[in-house]
Amino acid sequence: MRALGPGSVSSFLKIILDVVFAALWIGLGAVALALLAALLFSFNPDLFPDVLSTNASVVASRGPLFAGVLLMYGLSIGGVLVIVHSLRQIFVTLTAGDPFHPTNVRRLRLIGLMLAALEISRYCVWALSSYLPWIKDVKPNFNLTAWFSVLVVFVLAEVFREGARLRREAELTI
């Protein structure tokens, strides 16, 4: 089976990325609706009188915190959406048989930056979780695999940049 062109492995992977992209948008929409509900409930608990219990004031007081957690989930999903969108665009060029398209370099760099941002945001969430009294025994861990992936993506971006440069030079020769 071929790796590039129509009907190849890259076109099959592009279809999978399209499905994942749609699922991520649905997940982001669900998180946005939950965030809106959490904010509405925390600022006006009377909007949901049927779900109020004796602990309604406790739940309402934690609403902004819950909204913050949902916001972090939404931002994480947004970061993954950017990565998957860039991968989809790269696979469009692979399916067209043009792997060293000049914009793939920019797309790979964006993927590397988003992977690094997601990992740094994970460290920020860990640091903030130490101030929350109901979260116990959260241990930080340095994920070497994530940082290795970031470096690999940046190296691949440079490989694609060099491939695009060589292709331009080959087009100029007669």
C-alpha atoms as a PDB file:
ATOM      1  CA  MET A   1       0.000   0.000   0.000  1.00  0.00           C
ATOM      2  CA  ARG A   2       1.260   3.483  -0.851  1.00  0.00           C
ATOM      3  CA  ALA A   3       2.099   6.108   1.746  1.00  0.00           C
ATOM      4  CA  LEU A   4       1.259   9.177  -0.362  1.00  0.00           C
ATOM      5  CA  GLY A   5      -1.447  10.124  -2.834  1.00  0.00           C
ATOM      6  CA  PRO A   6      -5.138   9.351  -3.183  1.00  0.00           C
ATOM      7  CA  GLY A   7      -6.190   5.980  -1.788  1.00  0.00           C
ATOM      8  CA  SER A   8      -3.055   5.750   0.357  1.00  0.00           C
ATOM      9  CA  VAL A   9      -2.403   5.349   4.049  1.00  0.00           C
ATOM     10  CA  SER A  10      -2.184   9.143   4.382  1.00  0.00           C
ATOM     11  CA  SER A  11      -5.693   9.576   2.952  1.00  0.00           C
ATOM     12  CA  PHE A  12      -7.005   6.968   5.411  1.00  0.00           C
ATOM     13  CA  LEU A  13      -5.321   8.791   8.306  1.00  0.00           C
ATOM     14  CA  LYS A  14      -6.806  12.065   7.058  1.00  0.00           C
ATOM     15  CA  ILE A  15     -10.288  10.540   7.366  1.00  0.00           C
ATOM     16  CA  ILE A  16      -9.533   9.436  10.926  1.00  0.00           C
ATOM     17  CA  LEU A  17      -8.291  12.938  11.752  1.00  0.00           C
ATOM     18  CA  ASP A  18     -11.514  14.390  10.311  1.00  0.00           C
ATOM     19  CA  VAL A  19     -13.571  12.219  12.660  1.00  0.00           C
ATOM     20  CA  VAL A  20     -11.404  13.149  15.650  1.00  0.00           C
ATOM     21  CA  PHE A  21     -11.653  16.815  14.686  1.00  0.00           C
ATOM     22  CA  ALA A  22     -15.473  16.644  14.661  1.00  0.00           C
ATOM     23  CA  ALA A  23     -15.501  14.804  18.002  1.00  0.00           C
ATOM     24  CA  LEU A  24     -13.252  17.449  19.543  1.00  0.00           C
ATOM     25  CA  TRP A  25     -15.588  20.215  18.380  1.00  0.00           C
ATOM     26  CA  ILE A  26     -18.517  18.362  19.956  1.00  0.00           C
ATOM     27  CA  GLY A  27     -16.535  17.956  23.184  1.00  0.00           C
ATOM     28  CA  LEU A  28     -15.605  21.631  23.185  1.00  0.00           C
ATOM     29  CA  GLY A  29     -19.253  22.551  22.733  1.00  0.00           C
ATOM     30  CA  ALA A  30     -20.266  20.303  25.639  1.00  0.00           C
ATOM     31  CA  VAL A  31     -17.609  21.861  27.870  1.00  0.00           C
ATOM     32  CA  ALA A  32     -18.756  25.356  26.849  1.00  0.00           C
ATOM     33  CA  LEU A  33     -22.370  24.508  27.746  1.00  0.00           C
ATOM     34  CA  ALA A  34     -21.279  23.032  31.085  1.00  0.00           C
ATOM     35  CA  LEU A  35     -19.191  26.138  31.752  1.00  0.00           C
ATOM     36  CA  LEU A  36     -22.168  28.366  31.033  1.00  0.00           C
ATOM     37  CA  ALA A  37     -24.393  26.271  33.304  1.00  0.00           C
ATOM     38  CA  ALA A  38     -21.801  26.352  36.097  1.00  0.00           C
ATOM     39  CA  LEU A  39     -21.522  30.121  35.877  1.00  0.00           C
ATOM     40  CA  LEU A  40     -25.279  30.609  35.776  1.00  0.00           C
ATOM     41  CA  PHE A  41     -25.786  28.315  38.737  1.00  0.00           C
ATOM     42  CA  SER A  42     -23.024  29.885  40.797  1.00  0.00           C
ATOM     43  CA  PHE A  43     -24.220  33.450  40.285  1.00  0.00           C
ATOM     44  CA  ASN A  44     -27.958  32.733  40.460  1.00  0.00           C
ATOM     45  CA  PRO A  45     -28.803  29.409  42.159  1.00  0.00           C
ATOM     46  CA  ASP A  46     -32.527  30.176  41.855  1.00  0.00           C
ATOM     47  CA  LEU A  47     -32.345  29.363  38.137  1.00  0.00           C
ATOM     48  CA  PHE A  48     -32.359  25.661  39.005  1.00  0.00           C
ATOM     49  CA  PRO A  49     -34.785  25.290  41.934  1.00  0.00           C
ATOM     50  CA  ASP A  50     -35.468  21.601  41.298  1.00  0.00           C
ATOM     51  CA  VAL A  51     -31.845  20.565  41.793  1.00  0.00           C
ATOM     52  CA  LEU A  52     -31.285  22.608  44.940  1.00  0.00           C
ATOM     53  CA  SER A  53     -30.709  20.642  48.084  1.00  0.00           C
ATOM     54  CA  THR A  54     -29.686  21.541  51.614  1.00  0.00           C
ATOM     55  CA  ASN A  55     -26.107  21.975  50.363  1.00  0.00           C
ATOM     56  CA  ALA A  56     -27.063  24.441  47.627  1.00  0.00           C
ATOM     57  CA  SER A  57     -24.985  27.245  49.124  1.00  0.00           C
ATOM     58  CA  VAL A  58     -21.894  25.022  49.193  1.00  0.00           C
ATOM     59  CA  VAL A  59     -22.429  23.993  45.581  1.00  0.00           C
ATOM     60  CA  ALA A  60     -23.090  27.581  44.518  1.00  0.00           C
ATOM     61  CA  SER A  61     -19.938  28.798  46.270  1.00  0.00           C
ATOM     62  CA  ARG A  62     -17.815  26.275  44.382  1.00  0.00           C
ATOM     63  CA  GLY A  63     -19.422  27.142  41.050  1.00  0.00           C
ATOM     64  CA  PRO A  64     -16.718  29.615  39.956  1.00  0.00           C
ATOM     65  CA  LEU A  65     -14.032  27.061  40.845  1.00  0.00           C
ATOM     66  CA  PHE A  66     -15.851  24.410  38.836  1.00  0.00           C
ATOM     67  CA  ALA A  67     -16.137  26.928  35.988  1.00  0.00           C
ATOM     68  CA  GLY A  68     -12.371  27.490  36.182  1.00  0.00           C
ATOM     69  CA  VAL A  69     -11.737  23.755  35.931  1.00  0.00           C
ATOM     70  CA  LEU A  70     -14.087  23.564  32.941  1.00  0.00           C
ATOM     71  CA  LEU A  71     -12.280  26.509  31.370  1.00  0.00           C
ATOM     72  CA  MET A  72      -8.967  24.667  31.696  1.00  0.00           C
ATOM     73  CA  TYR A  73     -10.525  21.578  30.090  1.00  0.00           C
ATOM     74  CA  GLY A  74     -11.874  23.774  27.298  1.00  0.00           C
ATOM     75  CA  LEU A  75      -8.477  25.347  26.713  1.00  0.00           C
ATOM     76  CA  SER A  76      -6.868  21.905  26.615  1.00  0.00           C
ATOM     77  CA  ILE A  77      -9.413  20.699  24.086  1.00  0.00           C
ATOM     78  CA  GLY A  78      -8.763  23.875  22.095  1.00  0.00           C
ATOM     79  CA  GLY A  79      -5.036  23.119  22.070  1.00  0.00           C
ATOM     80  CA  VAL A  80      -5.666  19.588  20.857  1.00  0.00           C
ATOM     81  CA  LEU A  81      -8.035  21.018  18.224  1.00  0.00           C
ATOM     82  CA  VAL A  82      -5.231  23.232  16.904  1.00  0.00           C
ATOM     83  CA  ILE A  83      -2.908  20.218  16.740  1.00  0.00           C
ATOM     84  CA  VAL A  84      -5.454  18.019  14.964  1.00  0.00           C
ATOM     85  CA  HIS A  85      -6.366  20.819  12.529  1.00  0.00           C
ATOM     86  CA  SER A  86      -2.688  21.285  11.630  1.00  0.00           C
ATOM     87  CA  LEU A  87      -2.266  17.542  11.189  1.00  0.00           C
ATOM     88  CA  ARG A  88      -5.323  17.469   8.923  1.00  0.00           C
ATOM     89  CA  GLN A  89      -3.791  20.181   6.750  1.00  0.00           C
ATOM     90  CA  ILE A  90      -0.484  18.305   6.603  1.00  0.00           C
ATOM     91  CA  PHE A  91      -2.273  15.133   5.561  1.00  0.00           C
ATOM     92  CA  VAL A  92      -4.104  17.045   2.828  1.00  0.00           C
ATOM     93  CA  THR A  93      -0.709  17.835   1.288  1.00  0.00           C
ATOM     94  CA  LEU A  94       0.432  14.232   1.794  1.00  0.00           C
ATOM     95  CA  THR A  95      -2.689  12.936   0.065  1.00  0.00           C
ATOM     96  CA  ALA A  96      -2.008  15.347  -2.798  1.00  0.00           C
ATOM     97  CA  GLY A  97       1.487  13.840  -3.078  1.00  0.00           C
ATOM     98  CA  ASP A  98       3.252  17.029  -1.965  1.00  0.00           C
ATOM     99  CA  PRO A  99       4.853  16.262   1.430  1.00  0.00           C
ATOM    100  CA  PHE A 100       7.361  19.124   1.337  1.00  0.00           C
ATOM    101  CA  HIS A 101       4.821  21.876   0.922  1.00  0.00           C
ATOM    102  CA  PRO A 102       6.287  25.065   2.451  1.00  0.00           C
ATOM    103  CA  THR A 103       3.341  25.613   4.815  1.00  0.00           C
ATOM    104  CA  ASN A 104       3.918  22.213   6.431  1.00  0.00           C
ATOM    105  CA  VAL A 105       6.956  23.681   8.181  1.00  0.00           C
ATOM    106  CA  ARG A 106       4.779  26.335   9.838  1.00  0.00           C
ATOM    107  CA  ARG A 107       2.163  23.739  10.710  1.00  0.00           C
ATOM    108  CA  LEU A 108       4.719  21.443  12.345  1.00  0.00           C
ATOM    109  CA  ARG A 109       6.145  24.332  14.357  1.00  0.00           C
ATOM    110  CA  LEU A 110       2.627  25.214  15.528  1.00  0.00           C
ATOM    111  CA  ILE A 111       2.097  21.603  16.571  1.00  0.00           C
ATOM    112  CA  GLY A 112       5.361  21.688  18.549  1.00  0.00           C
ATOM    113  CA  LEU A 113       4.396  24.939  20.251  1.00  0.00           C
ATOM    114  CA  MET A 114       0.951  23.604  21.161  1.00  0.00           C
ATOM    115  CA  LEU A 115       2.424  20.395  22.576  1.00  0.00           C
ATOM    116  CA  ALA A 116       4.796  22.476  24.713  1.00  0.00           C
ATOM    117  CA  ALA A 117       1.968  24.798  25.798  1.00  0.00           C
ATOM    118  CA  LEU A 118      -0.214  21.851  26.808  1.00  0.00           C
ATOM    119  CA  GLU A 119       2.609  20.383  28.868  1.00  0.00           C
ATOM    120  CA  ILE A 120       3.366  23.725  30.551  1.00  0.00           C
ATOM    121  CA  SER A 121      -0.338  24.222  31.297  1.00  0.00           C
ATOM    122  CA  ARG A 122      -0.346  20.793  32.947  1.00  0.00           C
ATOM    123  CA  TYR A 123       2.419  22.007  35.261  1.00  0.00           C
ATOM    124  CA  CYS A 124       0.440  25.174  36.011  1.00  0.00           C
ATOM    125  CA  VAL A 125      -2.650  23.146  36.899  1.00  0.00           C
ATOM    126  CA  TRP A 126      -0.524  20.965  39.156  1.00  0.00           C
ATOM    127  CA  ALA A 127       0.907  24.063  40.895  1.00  0.00           C
ATOM    128  CA  LEU A 128      -2.556  25.536  41.424  1.00  0.00           C
ATOM    129  CA  SER A 129      -3.976  22.255  42.692  1.00  0.00           C
ATOM    130  CA  SER A 130      -1.691  22.405  45.716  1.00  0.00           C
ATOM    131  CA  TYR A 131      -3.755  25.369  46.965  1.00  0.00           C
ATOM    132  CA  LEU A 132      -7.041  23.468  46.840  1.00  0.00           C
ATOM    133  CA  PRO A 133      -7.742  21.758  50.176  1.00  0.00           C
ATOM    134  CA  TRP A 134      -9.879  18.905  48.834  1.00  0.00           C
ATOM    135  CA  ILE A 135      -7.242  17.728  46.375  1.00  0.00           C
ATOM    136  CA  LYS A 136      -4.750  15.517  48.165  1.00  0.00           C
ATOM    137  CA  ASP A 137      -1.715  13.489  47.153  1.00  0.00           C
ATOM    138  CA  VAL A 138      -1.117  15.099  43.781  1.00  0.00           C
ATOM    139  CA  LYS A 139       2.465  14.393  42.855  1.00  0.00           C
ATOM    140  CA  PRO A 140       4.214  16.289  40.093  1.00  0.00           C
ATOM    141  CA  ASN A 141       5.844  14.324  37.362  1.00  0.00           C
ATOM    142  CA  PHE A 142       8.136  15.438  34.609  1.00  0.00           C
ATOM    143  CA  ASN A 143       6.898  13.784  31.445  1.00  0.00           C
ATOM    144  CA  LEU A 144      10.029  13.115  29.435  1.00  0.00           C
ATOM    145  CA  THR A 145       7.995  11.580  26.615  1.00  0.00           C
ATOM    146  CA  ALA A 146       6.030  14.788  26.099  1.00  0.00           C
ATOM    147  CA  TRP A 147       9.164  16.932  25.916  1.00  0.00           C
ATOM    148  CA  PHE A 148      10.825  14.397  23.611  1.00  0.00           C
ATOM    149  CA  SER A 149       7.767  14.619  21.349  1.00  0.00           C
ATOM    150  CA  VAL A 150       8.078  18.412  21.269  1.00  0.00           C
ATOM    151  CA  LEU A 151      11.712  18.143  20.216  1.00  0.00           C
ATOM    152  CA  VAL A 152      10.939  15.517  17.579  1.00  0.00           C
ATOM    153  CA  VAL A 153       8.233  17.716  16.045  1.00  0.00           C
ATOM    154  CA  PHE A 154      10.598  20.702  15.875  1.00  0.00           C
ATOM    155  CA  VAL A 155      13.292  18.539  14.267  1.00  0.00           C
ATOM    156  CA  LEU A 156      10.742  17.248  11.747  1.00  0.00           C
ATOM    157  CA  ALA A 157       9.793  20.849  10.974  1.00  0.00           C
ATOM    158  CA  GLU A 158      13.419  21.559  10.100  1.00  0.00           C
ATOM    159  CA  VAL A 159      13.588  18.414   7.971  1.00  0.00           C
ATOM    160  CA  PHE A 160      10.485  19.558   6.088  1.00  0.00           C
ATOM    161  CA  ARG A 161      11.988  23.046   5.725  1.00  0.00           C
ATOM    162  CA  GLU A 162      15.109  21.557   4.165  1.00  0.00           C
ATOM    163  CA  GLY A 163      12.987  19.330   1.908  1.00  0.00           C
ATOM    164  CA  ALA A 164      10.978  22.365   0.742  1.00  0.00           C
ATOM    165  CA  ARG A 165      14.231  24.250   0.053  1.00  0.00           C
ATOM    166  CA  LEU A 166      15.632  21.353  -1.977  1.00  0.00           C
ATOM    167  CA  ARG A 167      12.397  21.095  -3.929  1.00  0.00           C
ATOM    168  CA  ARG A 168      12.522  24.817  -4.759  1.00  0.00           C
ATOM    169  CA  GLU A 169      16.116  24.440  -5.957  1.00  0.00           C
ATOM    170  CA  ALA A 170      15.178  21.436  -8.082  1.00  0.00           C
ATOM    171  CA  GLU A 171      12.351  23.415  -9.690  1.00  0.00           C
ATOM    172  CA  LEU A 172      14.789  26.180 -10.643  1.00  0.00           C
ATOM    173  CA  THR A 173      17.222  23.842 -12.406  1.00  0.00           C
ATOM    174  CA  ILE A 174      16.668  23.211 -16.050  1.00  0.00           C
END
